[in-house]
Each structure stands twice: as C-alpha cells, then as structure tokens.
Amino acid sequence: MAILSIFYALGQICQGLLLHPYQTVQSLVREKIFMWMIFLPISILTFVIVFWRQVVLSIVLINLPHFLIYWFIFYCIYWQGLLLYLLVRFLIGFRL
C-alpha cells in the first residue's frame, strides 16, 4: 500500500510540473524531499535517447513525422530550462 502511495505522490508531482510548474516548483523547494523531480524532463529525454533504436524503429513503423520528434526534444529542453529557472528563482527567494 505504501508503494502505491509513493507512486501516486510522484504522479501528482509530475502532473503539477506539467500543468502548473510555478506552484509545484515553489512547493518542492519549500519541502525539499522531492526536489530531484525538477529534473524530470531531462530524465525523460535521456530515457528516449538511450532507447533511440527502439524509438526510431517504432517511428519508421508508424511513419511519425520528424518535426514531431524534434518538437518533443525541444519541448523537453524548454520545459527543463523553465523548471531550472524557477528552481534558481525560489532558491534565491527563500535564501536556501
């Protein structure tokens, strides 16, 4: 039951980082226990790059346009930049 609770909390944090990053990063910086979740976008991008062969093979099989792949990579990098900016902003604001 505790494992389900942990996965639920992680899922809620992921959803918060995606839908309203300002409030979520602010609460993560205050509580500090899940601050490692700020690096979620770069983790997702690394996971995709590590399994690039399978991704490319699936793209060839479903004929996904290349601009969607580049859009996804750009979005992950942009999202990570936003989260890092908010992290620095709140760390300076809270003087931690």
PDB file of N, CA and C in Angstrom:
ATOM      1  N   MET A   1       0.815  -1.191   0.000  1.00  0.00           N
ATOM      2  CA  MET A   1       0.000   0.000   0.000  1.00  0.00           C
ATOM      3  C   MET A   1       0.863   1.260   0.000  1.00  0.00           C
ATOM      4  N   ALA A   2       1.999   1.185   0.690  1.00  0.00           N
ATOM      5  CA  ALA A   2       2.898   2.348   0.743  1.00  0.00           C
ATOM      6  C   ALA A   2       3.498   2.628  -0.628  1.00  0.00           C
ATOM      7  N   ILE A   3       3.757   1.580  -1.392  1.00  0.00           N
ATOM      8  CA  ILE A   3       4.326   1.755  -2.735  1.00  0.00           C
ATOM      9  C   ILE A   3       3.324   2.468  -3.640  1.00  0.00           C
ATOM     10  N   LEU A   4       2.070   2.097  -3.550  1.00  0.00           N
ATOM     11  CA  LEU A   4       1.039   2.789  -4.328  1.00  0.00           C
ATOM     12  C   LEU A   4       0.931   4.258  -3.930  1.00  0.00           C
ATOM     13  N   SER A   5       1.076   4.520  -2.655  1.00  0.00           N
ATOM     14  CA  SER A   5       1.022   5.897  -2.176  1.00  0.00           C
ATOM     15  C   SER A   5       2.196   6.715  -2.726  1.00  0.00           C
ATOM     16  N   ILE A   6       3.376   6.112  -2.771  1.00  0.00           N
ATOM     17  CA  ILE A   6       4.550   6.799  -3.318  1.00  0.00           C
ATOM     18  C   ILE A   6       4.355   7.075  -4.803  1.00  0.00           C
ATOM     19  N   PHE A   7       3.876   6.083  -5.556  1.00  0.00           N
ATOM     20  CA  PHE A   7       3.649   6.286  -6.986  1.00  0.00           C
ATOM     21  C   PHE A   7       2.553   7.323  -7.233  1.00  0.00           C
ATOM     22  N   TYR A   8       1.559   7.368  -6.379  1.00  0.00           N
ATOM     23  CA  TYR A   8       0.519   8.383  -6.511  1.00  0.00           C
ATOM     24  C   TYR A   8       1.109   9.781  -6.297  1.00  0.00           C
ATOM     25  N   ALA A   9       1.939   9.930  -5.266  1.00  0.00           N
ATOM     26  CA  ALA A   9       2.561  11.226  -4.982  1.00  0.00           C
ATOM     27  C   ALA A   9       3.464  11.649  -6.137  1.00  0.00           C
ATOM     28  N   LEU A  10       4.248  10.720  -6.670  1.00  0.00           N
ATOM     29  CA  LEU A  10       5.118  11.042  -7.795  1.00  0.00           C
ATOM     30  C   LEU A  10       4.306  11.427  -9.030  1.00  0.00           C
ATOM     31  N   GLY A  11       3.196  10.743  -9.247  1.00  0.00           N
ATOM     32  CA  GLY A  11       2.327  11.074 -10.370  1.00  0.00           C
ATOM     33  C   GLY A  11       1.706  12.452 -10.222  1.00  0.00           C
ATOM     34  N   GLN A  12       1.318  12.803  -9.015  1.00  0.00           N
ATOM     35  CA  GLN A  12       0.745  14.129  -8.784  1.00  0.00           C
ATOM     36  C   GLN A  12       1.782  15.227  -8.979  1.00  0.00           C
ATOM     37  N   ILE A  13       3.026  14.952  -8.566  1.00  0.00           N
ATOM     38  CA  ILE A  13       4.087  15.936  -8.773  1.00  0.00           C
ATOM     39  C   ILE A  13       4.379  16.096 -10.257  1.00  0.00           C
ATOM     40  N   CYS A  14       4.425  14.984 -10.989  1.00  0.00           N
ATOM     41  CA  CYS A  14       4.645  15.056 -12.444  1.00  0.00           C
ATOM     42  C   CYS A  14       3.540  15.857 -13.116  1.00  0.00           C
ATOM     43  N   GLN A  15       2.321  15.604 -12.730  1.00  0.00           N
ATOM     44  CA  GLN A  15       1.199  16.345 -13.299  1.00  0.00           C
ATOM     45  C   GLN A  15       1.293  17.823 -12.935  1.00  0.00           C
ATOM     46  N   GLY A  16       1.679  18.123 -11.716  1.00  0.00           N
ATOM     47  CA  GLY A  16       1.822  19.510 -11.303  1.00  0.00           C
ATOM     48  C   GLY A  16       2.935  20.214 -12.057  1.00  0.00           C
ATOM     49  N   LEU A  17       4.050  19.522 -12.289  1.00  0.00           N
ATOM     50  CA  LEU A  17       5.143  20.130 -13.041  1.00  0.00           C
ATOM     51  C   LEU A  17       4.745  20.410 -14.481  1.00  0.00           C
ATOM     52  N   LEU A  18       3.865  19.607 -15.014  1.00  0.00           N
ATOM     53  CA  LEU A  18       3.429  19.795 -16.389  1.00  0.00           C
ATOM     54  C   LEU A  18       2.347  20.874 -16.499  1.00  0.00           C
ATOM     55  N   LEU A  19       1.368  20.855 -15.603  1.00  0.00           N
ATOM     56  CA  LEU A  19       0.224  21.752 -15.723  1.00  0.00           C
ATOM     57  C   LEU A  19       0.431  23.119 -15.072  1.00  0.00           C
ATOM     58  N   HIS A  20       1.043  23.156 -13.898  1.00  0.00           N
ATOM     59  CA  HIS A  20       1.291  24.434 -13.225  1.00  0.00           C
ATOM     60  C   HIS A  20       2.648  24.370 -12.517  1.00  0.00           C
ATOM     61  N   PRO A  21       3.713  24.585 -13.299  1.00  0.00           N
ATOM     62  CA  PRO A  21       5.068  24.432 -12.756  1.00  0.00           C
ATOM     63  C   PRO A  21       5.425  25.458 -11.677  1.00  0.00           C
ATOM     64  N   TYR A  22       4.872  26.653 -11.738  1.00  0.00           N
ATOM     65  CA  TYR A  22       5.244  27.688 -10.761  1.00  0.00           C
ATOM     66  C   TYR A  22       4.913  27.240  -9.334  1.00  0.00           C
ATOM     67  N   GLN A  23       3.669  26.846  -9.100  1.00  0.00           N
ATOM     68  CA  GLN A  23       3.263  26.438  -7.752  1.00  0.00           C
ATOM     69  C   GLN A  23       3.962  25.145  -7.326  1.00  0.00           C
ATOM     70  N   THR A  24       4.145  24.224  -8.272  1.00  0.00           N
ATOM     71  CA  THR A  24       4.742  22.933  -7.925  1.00  0.00           C
ATOM     72  C   THR A  24       6.206  23.094  -7.552  1.00  0.00           C
ATOM     73  N   VAL A  25       6.961  23.872  -8.339  1.00  0.00           N
ATOM     74  CA  VAL A  25       8.373  24.083  -8.003  1.00  0.00           C
ATOM     75  C   VAL A  25       8.493  24.829  -6.687  1.00  0.00           C
ATOM     76  N   GLN A  26       7.607  25.770  -6.444  1.00  0.00           N
ATOM     77  CA  GLN A  26       7.635  26.504  -5.187  1.00  0.00           C
ATOM     78  C   GLN A  26       7.434  25.555  -4.000  1.00  0.00           C
ATOM     79  N   SER A  27       6.481  24.649  -4.108  1.00  0.00           N
ATOM     80  CA  SER A  27       6.263  23.703  -3.003  1.00  0.00           C
ATOM     81  C   SER A  27       7.394  22.683  -2.904  1.00  0.00           C
ATOM     82  N   LEU A  28       7.992  22.303  -4.034  1.00  0.00           N
ATOM     83  CA  LEU A  28       9.115  21.365  -3.988  1.00  0.00           C
ATOM     84  C   LEU A  28      10.336  21.991  -3.320  1.00  0.00           C
ATOM     85  N   VAL A  29      10.564  23.266  -3.578  1.00  0.00           N
ATOM     86  CA  VAL A  29      11.706  23.946  -2.957  1.00  0.00           C
ATOM     87  C   VAL A  29      11.469  24.117  -1.458  1.00  0.00           C
ATOM     88  N   ARG A  30      10.251  24.379  -1.066  1.00  0.00           N
ATOM     89  CA  ARG A  30       9.952  24.530   0.363  1.00  0.00           C
ATOM     90  C   ARG A  30      10.096  23.209   1.108  1.00  0.00           C
ATOM     91  N   GLU A  31       9.597  22.125   0.531  1.00  0.00           N
ATOM     92  CA  GLU A  31       9.596  20.849   1.235  1.00  0.00           C
ATOM     93  C   GLU A  31      10.879  20.057   1.047  1.00  0.00           C
ATOM     94  N   LYS A  32      11.579  20.255  -0.057  1.00  0.00           N
ATOM     95  CA  LYS A  32      12.912  19.730  -0.360  1.00  0.00           C
ATOM     96  C   LYS A  32      13.008  18.219  -0.559  1.00  0.00           C
ATOM     97  N   ILE A  33      12.028  17.427  -0.215  1.00  0.00           N
ATOM     98  CA  ILE A  33      12.186  15.983  -0.300  1.00  0.00           C
ATOM     99  C   ILE A  33      12.094  15.470  -1.741  1.00  0.00           C
ATOM    100  N   PHE A  34      11.256  16.087  -2.542  1.00  0.00           N
ATOM    101  CA  PHE A  34      11.101  15.662  -3.935  1.00  0.00           C
ATOM    102  C   PHE A  34      11.723  16.666  -4.907  1.00  0.00           C
ATOM    103  N   MET A  35      12.718  17.419  -4.456  1.00  0.00           N
ATOM    104  CA  MET A  35      13.324  18.419  -5.319  1.00  0.00           C
ATOM    105  C   MET A  35      14.025  17.781  -6.516  1.00  0.00           C
ATOM    106  N   TRP A  36      14.400  16.524  -6.420  1.00  0.00           N
ATOM    107  CA  TRP A  36      15.019  15.821  -7.547  1.00  0.00           C
ATOM    108  C   TRP A  36      14.048  15.662  -8.707  1.00  0.00           C
ATOM    109  N   MET A  37      12.765  15.805  -8.465  1.00  0.00           N
ATOM    110  CA  MET A  37      11.769  15.668  -9.530  1.00  0.00           C
ATOM    111  C   MET A  37      11.816  16.836 -10.517  1.00  0.00           C
ATOM    112  N   ILE A  38      12.535  17.896 -10.165  1.00  0.00           N
ATOM    113  CA  ILE A  38      12.660  19.029 -11.080  1.00  0.00           C
ATOM    114  C   ILE A  38      13.413  18.603 -12.339  1.00  0.00           C
ATOM    115  N   PHE A  39      14.216  17.559 -12.238  1.00  0.00           N
ATOM    116  CA  PHE A  39      14.980  17.077 -13.389  1.00  0.00           C
ATOM    117  C   PHE A  39      14.223  16.010 -14.181  1.00  0.00           C
ATOM    118  N   LEU A  40      12.926  15.978 -14.062  1.00  0.00           N
ATOM    119  CA  LEU A  40      12.096  15.013 -14.781  1.00  0.00           C
ATOM    120  C   LEU A  40      12.177  15.157 -16.298  1.00  0.00           C
ATOM    121  N   PRO A  41      12.104  16.355 -16.874  1.00  0.00           N
ATOM    122  CA  PRO A  41      12.144  16.448 -18.346  1.00  0.00           C
ATOM    123  C   PRO A  41      13.446  15.915 -18.941  1.00  0.00           C
ATOM    124  N   ILE A  42      14.565  16.219 -18.312  1.00  0.00           N
ATOM    125  CA  ILE A  42      15.828  15.738 -18.844  1.00  0.00           C
ATOM    126  C   ILE A  42      15.944  14.225 -18.648  1.00  0.00           C
ATOM    127  N   SER A  43      15.305  13.694 -17.615  1.00  0.00           N
ATOM    128  CA  SER A  43      15.286  12.245 -17.418  1.00  0.00           C
ATOM    129  C   SER A  43      14.470  11.562 -18.510  1.00  0.00           C
ATOM    130  N   ILE A  44      13.344  12.152 -18.860  1.00  0.00           N
ATOM    131  CA  ILE A  44      12.524  11.598 -19.932  1.00  0.00           C
ATOM    132  C   ILE A  44      13.278  11.640 -21.246  1.00  0.00           C
ATOM    133  N   LEU A  45      13.937  12.765 -21.523  1.00  0.00           N
ATOM    134  CA  LEU A  45      14.696  12.894 -22.759  1.00  0.00           C
ATOM    135  C   LEU A  45      15.862  11.910 -22.795  1.00  0.00           C
ATOM    136  N   THR A  46      16.544  11.715 -21.679  1.00  0.00           N
ATOM    137  CA  THR A  46      17.634  10.741 -21.612  1.00  0.00           C
ATOM    138  C   THR A  46      17.114   9.335 -21.846  1.00  0.00           C
ATOM    139  N   PHE A  47      15.969   9.014 -21.269  1.00  0.00           N
ATOM    140  CA  PHE A  47      15.368   7.702 -21.468  1.00  0.00           C
ATOM    141  C   PHE A  47      15.063   7.471 -22.947  1.00  0.00           C
ATOM    142  N   VAL A  48      14.550   8.483 -23.619  1.00  0.00           N
ATOM    143  CA  VAL A  48      14.235   8.364 -25.044  1.00  0.00           C
ATOM    144  C   VAL A  48      15.510   8.188 -25.856  1.00  0.00           C
ATOM    145  N   ILE A  49      16.558   8.937 -25.499  1.00  0.00           N
ATOM    146  CA  ILE A  49      17.813   8.832 -26.245  1.00  0.00           C
ATOM    147  C   ILE A  49      18.475   7.484 -26.028  1.00  0.00           C
ATOM    148  N   VAL A  50      18.420   6.959 -24.810  1.00  0.00           N
ATOM    149  CA  VAL A  50      19.020   5.651 -24.534  1.00  0.00           C
ATOM    150  C   VAL A  50      18.334   4.565 -25.357  1.00  0.00           C
ATOM    151  N   PHE A  51      17.048   4.658 -25.488  1.00  0.00           N
ATOM    152  CA  PHE A  51      16.303   3.674 -26.265  1.00  0.00           C
ATOM    153  C   PHE A  51      15.996   4.201 -27.662  1.00  0.00           C
ATOM    154  N   TRP A  52      16.922   4.955 -28.229  1.00  0.00           N
ATOM    155  CA  TRP A  52      16.735   5.603 -29.522  1.00  0.00           C
ATOM    156  C   TRP A  52      16.456   4.593 -30.622  1.00  0.00           C
ATOM    157  N   ARG A  53      17.133   3.468 -30.588  1.00  0.00           N
ATOM    158  CA  ARG A  53      16.943   2.463 -31.637  1.00  0.00           C
ATOM    159  C   ARG A  53      15.492   1.982 -31.668  1.00  0.00           C
ATOM    160  N   GLN A  54      14.943   1.698 -30.508  1.00  0.00           N
ATOM    161  CA  GLN A  54      13.552   1.267 -30.464  1.00  0.00           C
ATOM    162  C   GLN A  54      12.618   2.397 -30.869  1.00  0.00           C
ATOM    163  N   VAL A  55      12.959   3.611 -30.490  1.00  0.00           N
ATOM    164  CA  VAL A  55      12.126   4.755 -30.847  1.00  0.00           C
ATOM    165  C   VAL A  55      12.146   4.965 -32.352  1.00  0.00           C
ATOM    166  N   VAL A  56      13.326   4.936 -32.944  1.00  0.00           N
ATOM    167  CA  VAL A  56      13.441   5.125 -34.391  1.00  0.00           C
ATOM    168  C   VAL A  56      12.717   4.003 -35.122  1.00  0.00           C
ATOM    169  N   LEU A  57      12.851   2.786 -34.652  1.00  0.00           N
ATOM    170  CA  LEU A  57      12.165   1.666 -35.287  1.00  0.00           C
ATOM    171  C   LEU A  57      10.654   1.835 -35.214  1.00  0.00           C
ATOM    172  N   SER A  58      10.155   2.279 -34.064  1.00  0.00           N
ATOM    173  CA  SER A  58       8.708   2.484 -33.955  1.00  0.00           C
ATOM    174  C   SER A  58       8.254   3.653 -34.820  1.00  0.00           C
ATOM    175  N   ILE A  59       9.110   4.664 -34.957  1.00  0.00           N
ATOM    176  CA  ILE A  59       8.759   5.805 -35.799  1.00  0.00           C
ATOM    177  C   ILE A  59       8.674   5.373 -37.254  1.00  0.00           C
ATOM    178  N   VAL A  60       9.610   4.544 -37.674  1.00  0.00           N
ATOM    179  CA  VAL A  60       9.584   4.059 -39.055  1.00  0.00           C
ATOM    180  C   VAL A  60       8.327   3.223 -39.284  1.00  0.00           C
ATOM    181  N   LEU A  61       7.942   2.450 -38.282  1.00  0.00           N
ATOM    182  CA  LEU A  61       6.776   1.590 -38.438  1.00  0.00           C
ATOM    183  C   LEU A  61       5.472   2.379 -38.475  1.00  0.00           C
ATOM    184  N   ILE A  62       5.392   3.470 -37.729  1.00  0.00           N
ATOM    185  CA  ILE A  62       4.131   4.226 -37.708  1.00  0.00           C
ATOM    186  C   ILE A  62       4.210   5.508 -38.529  1.00  0.00           C
ATOM    187  N   ASN A  63       5.352   5.778 -39.174  1.00  0.00           N
ATOM    188  CA  ASN A  63       5.533   6.933 -40.047  1.00  0.00           C
ATOM    189  C   ASN A  63       5.243   8.250 -39.344  1.00  0.00           C
ATOM    190  N   LEU A  64       5.811   8.433 -38.166  1.00  0.00           N
ATOM    191  CA  LEU A  64       5.654   9.677 -37.428  1.00  0.00           C
ATOM    192  C   LEU A  64       6.535  10.744 -38.066  1.00  0.00           C
ATOM    193  N   PRO A  65       5.996  11.906 -38.365  1.00  0.00           N
ATOM    194  CA  PRO A  65       6.811  12.962 -38.984  1.00  0.00           C
ATOM    195  C   PRO A  65       7.966  13.401 -38.079  1.00  0.00           C
ATOM    196  N   HIS A  66       9.062  13.759 -38.723  1.00  0.00           N
ATOM    197  CA  HIS A  66      10.257  14.126 -37.972  1.00  0.00           C
ATOM    198  C   HIS A  66      10.068  15.402 -37.169  1.00  0.00           C
ATOM    199  N   PHE A  67       9.238  16.303 -37.631  1.00  0.00           N
ATOM    200  CA  PHE A  67       9.061  17.542 -36.872  1.00  0.00           C
ATOM    201  C   PHE A  67       8.429  17.269 -35.512  1.00  0.00           C
ATOM    202  N   LEU A  68       7.641  16.212 -35.391  1.00  0.00           N
ATOM    203  CA  LEU A  68       7.081  15.864 -34.083  1.00  0.00           C
ATOM    204  C   LEU A  68       8.161  15.373 -33.132  1.00  0.00           C
ATOM    205  N   ILE A  69       9.134  14.657 -33.671  1.00  0.00           N
ATOM    206  CA  ILE A  69      10.250  14.192 -32.844  1.00  0.00           C
ATOM    207  C   ILE A  69      11.058  15.386 -32.359  1.00  0.00           C
ATOM    208  N   TYR A  70      11.367  16.295 -33.289  1.00  0.00           N
ATOM    209  CA  TYR A  70      12.133  17.474 -32.914  1.00  0.00           C
ATOM    210  C   TYR A  70      11.337  18.370 -31.974  1.00  0.00           C
ATOM    211  N   TRP A  71      10.043  18.445 -32.138  1.00  0.00           N
ATOM    212  CA  TRP A  71       9.198  19.223 -31.244  1.00  0.00           C
ATOM    213  C   TRP A  71       9.250  18.646 -29.838  1.00  0.00           C
ATOM    214  N   PHE A  72       9.199  17.321 -29.720  1.00  0.00           N
ATOM    215  CA  PHE A  72       9.263  16.665 -28.412  1.00  0.00           C
ATOM    216  C   PHE A  72      10.598  16.943 -27.729  1.00  0.00           C
ATOM    217  N   ILE A  73      11.696  16.854 -28.469  1.00  0.00           N
ATOM    218  CA  ILE A  73      13.018  17.126 -27.901  1.00  0.00           C
ATOM    219  C   ILE A  73      13.112  18.590 -27.466  1.00  0.00           C
ATOM    220  N   PHE A  74      12.660  19.503 -28.313  1.00  0.00           N
ATOM    221  CA  PHE A  74      12.673  20.922 -27.966  1.00  0.00           C
ATOM    222  C   PHE A  74      11.815  21.188 -26.740  1.00  0.00           C
ATOM    223  N   TYR A  75      10.650  20.556 -26.677  1.00  0.00           N
ATOM    224  CA  TYR A  75       9.752  20.770 -25.548  1.00  0.00           C
ATOM    225  C   TYR A  75      10.390  20.302 -24.245  1.00  0.00           C
ATOM    226  N   CYS A  76      11.046  19.147 -24.266  1.00  0.00           N
ATOM    227  CA  CYS A  76      11.706  18.647 -23.047  1.00  0.00           C
ATOM    228  C   CYS A  76      12.819  19.591 -22.598  1.00  0.00           C
ATOM    229  N   ILE A  77      13.596  20.100 -23.552  1.00  0.00           N
ATOM    230  CA  ILE A  77      14.682  21.022 -23.199  1.00  0.00           C
ATOM    231  C   ILE A  77      14.105  22.346 -22.682  1.00  0.00           C
ATOM    232  N   TYR A  78      13.081  22.851 -23.334  1.00  0.00           N
ATOM    233  CA  TYR A  78      12.446  24.102 -22.909  1.00  0.00           C
ATOM    234  C   TYR A  78      11.810  23.954 -21.526  1.00  0.00           C
ATOM    235  N   TRP A  79      11.137  22.831 -21.307  1.00  0.00           N
ATOM    236  CA  TRP A  79      10.489  22.563 -20.021  1.00  0.00           C
ATOM    237  C   TRP A  79      11.540  22.473 -18.921  1.00  0.00           C
ATOM    238  N   GLN A  80      12.670  21.810 -19.204  1.00  0.00           N
ATOM    239  CA  GLN A  80      13.736  21.707 -18.217  1.00  0.00           C
ATOM    240  C   GLN A  80      14.316  23.078 -17.900  1.00  0.00           C
ATOM    241  N   GLY A  81      14.499  23.899 -18.922  1.00  0.00           N
ATOM    242  CA  GLY A  81      15.001  25.247 -18.687  1.00  0.00           C
ATOM    243  C   GLY A  81      14.072  26.065 -17.805  1.00  0.00           C
ATOM    244  N   LEU A  82      12.782  25.955 -18.046  1.00  0.00           N
ATOM    245  CA  LEU A  82      11.802  26.662 -17.223  1.00  0.00           C
ATOM    246  C   LEU A  82      11.865  26.193 -15.776  1.00  0.00           C
ATOM    247  N   LEU A  83      11.944  24.894 -15.561  1.00  0.00           N
ATOM    248  CA  LEU A  83      11.986  24.366 -14.199  1.00  0.00           C
ATOM    249  C   LEU A  83      13.269  24.778 -13.488  1.00  0.00           C
ATOM    250  N   LEU A  84      14.394  24.788 -14.204  1.00  0.00           N
ATOM    251  CA  LEU A  84      15.652  25.231 -13.588  1.00  0.00           C
ATOM    252  C   LEU A  84      15.600  26.714 -13.242  1.00  0.00           C
ATOM    253  N   TYR A  85      15.004  27.518 -14.126  1.00  0.00           N
ATOM    254  CA  TYR A  85      14.844  28.941 -13.837  1.00  0.00           C
ATOM    255  C   TYR A  85      14.008  29.142 -12.570  1.00  0.00           C
ATOM    256  N   LEU A  86      12.897  28.425 -12.480  1.00  0.00           N
ATOM    257  CA  LEU A  86      12.050  28.555 -11.294  1.00  0.00           C
ATOM    258  C   LEU A  86      12.770  28.059 -10.044  1.00  0.00           C
ATOM    259  N   LEU A  87      13.561  27.001 -10.177  1.00  0.00           N
ATOM    260  CA  LEU A  87      14.326  26.491  -9.039  1.00  0.00           C
ATOM    261  C   LEU A  87      15.293  27.546  -8.528  1.00  0.00           C
ATOM    262  N   VAL A  88      16.057  28.145  -9.425  1.00  0.00           N
ATOM    263  CA  VAL A  88      17.010  29.189  -9.017  1.00  0.00           C
ATOM    264  C   VAL A  88      16.271  30.375  -8.411  1.00  0.00           C
ATOM    265  N   ARG A  89      15.175  30.745  -9.025  1.00  0.00           N
ATOM    266  CA  ARG A  89      14.395  31.884  -8.526  1.00  0.00           C
ATOM    267  C   ARG A  89      13.900  31.643  -7.103  1.00  0.00           C
ATOM    268  N   PHE A  90      13.374  30.457  -6.834  1.00  0.00           N
ATOM    269  CA  PHE A  90      12.855  30.181  -5.494  1.00  0.00           C
ATOM    270  C   PHE A  90      13.966  29.930  -4.492  1.00  0.00           C
ATOM    271  N   LEU A  91      15.090  29.349  -4.927  1.00  0.00           N
ATOM    272  CA  LEU A  91      16.210  29.181  -4.009  1.00  0.00           C
ATOM    273  C   LEU A  91      16.755  30.532  -3.571  1.00  0.00           C
ATOM    274  N   ILE A  92      16.856  31.459  -4.498  1.00  0.00           N
ATOM    275  CA  ILE A  92      17.303  32.808  -4.138  1.00  0.00           C
ATOM    276  C   ILE A  92      16.238  33.505  -3.292  1.00  0.00           C
ATOM    277  N   GLY A  93      14.985  33.317  -3.646  1.00  0.00           N
ATOM    278  CA  GLY A  93      13.901  33.968  -2.899  1.00  0.00           C
ATOM    279  C   GLY A  93      13.760  33.464  -1.484  1.00  0.00           C
ATOM    280  N   PHE A  94      13.972  32.178  -1.288  1.00  0.00           N
ATOM    281  CA  PHE A  94      13.853  31.596   0.050  1.00  0.00           C
ATOM    282  C   PHE A  94      15.183  31.600   0.800  1.00  0.00           C
ATOM    283  N   ARG A  95      16.268  31.995   0.114  1.00  0.00           N
ATOM    284  CA  ARG A  95      17.616  32.058   0.693  1.00  0.00           C
ATOM    285  C   ARG A  95      18.036  30.727   1.304  1.00  0.00           C
ATOM    286  N   LEU A  96      17.942  29.661   0.487  1.00  0.00           N
ATOM    287  CA  LEU A  96      18.317  28.336   0.983  1.00  0.00           C
ATOM    288  C   LEU A  96      19.709  27.977   0.569  1.00  0.00           C
TER     289      LEU A  96
END
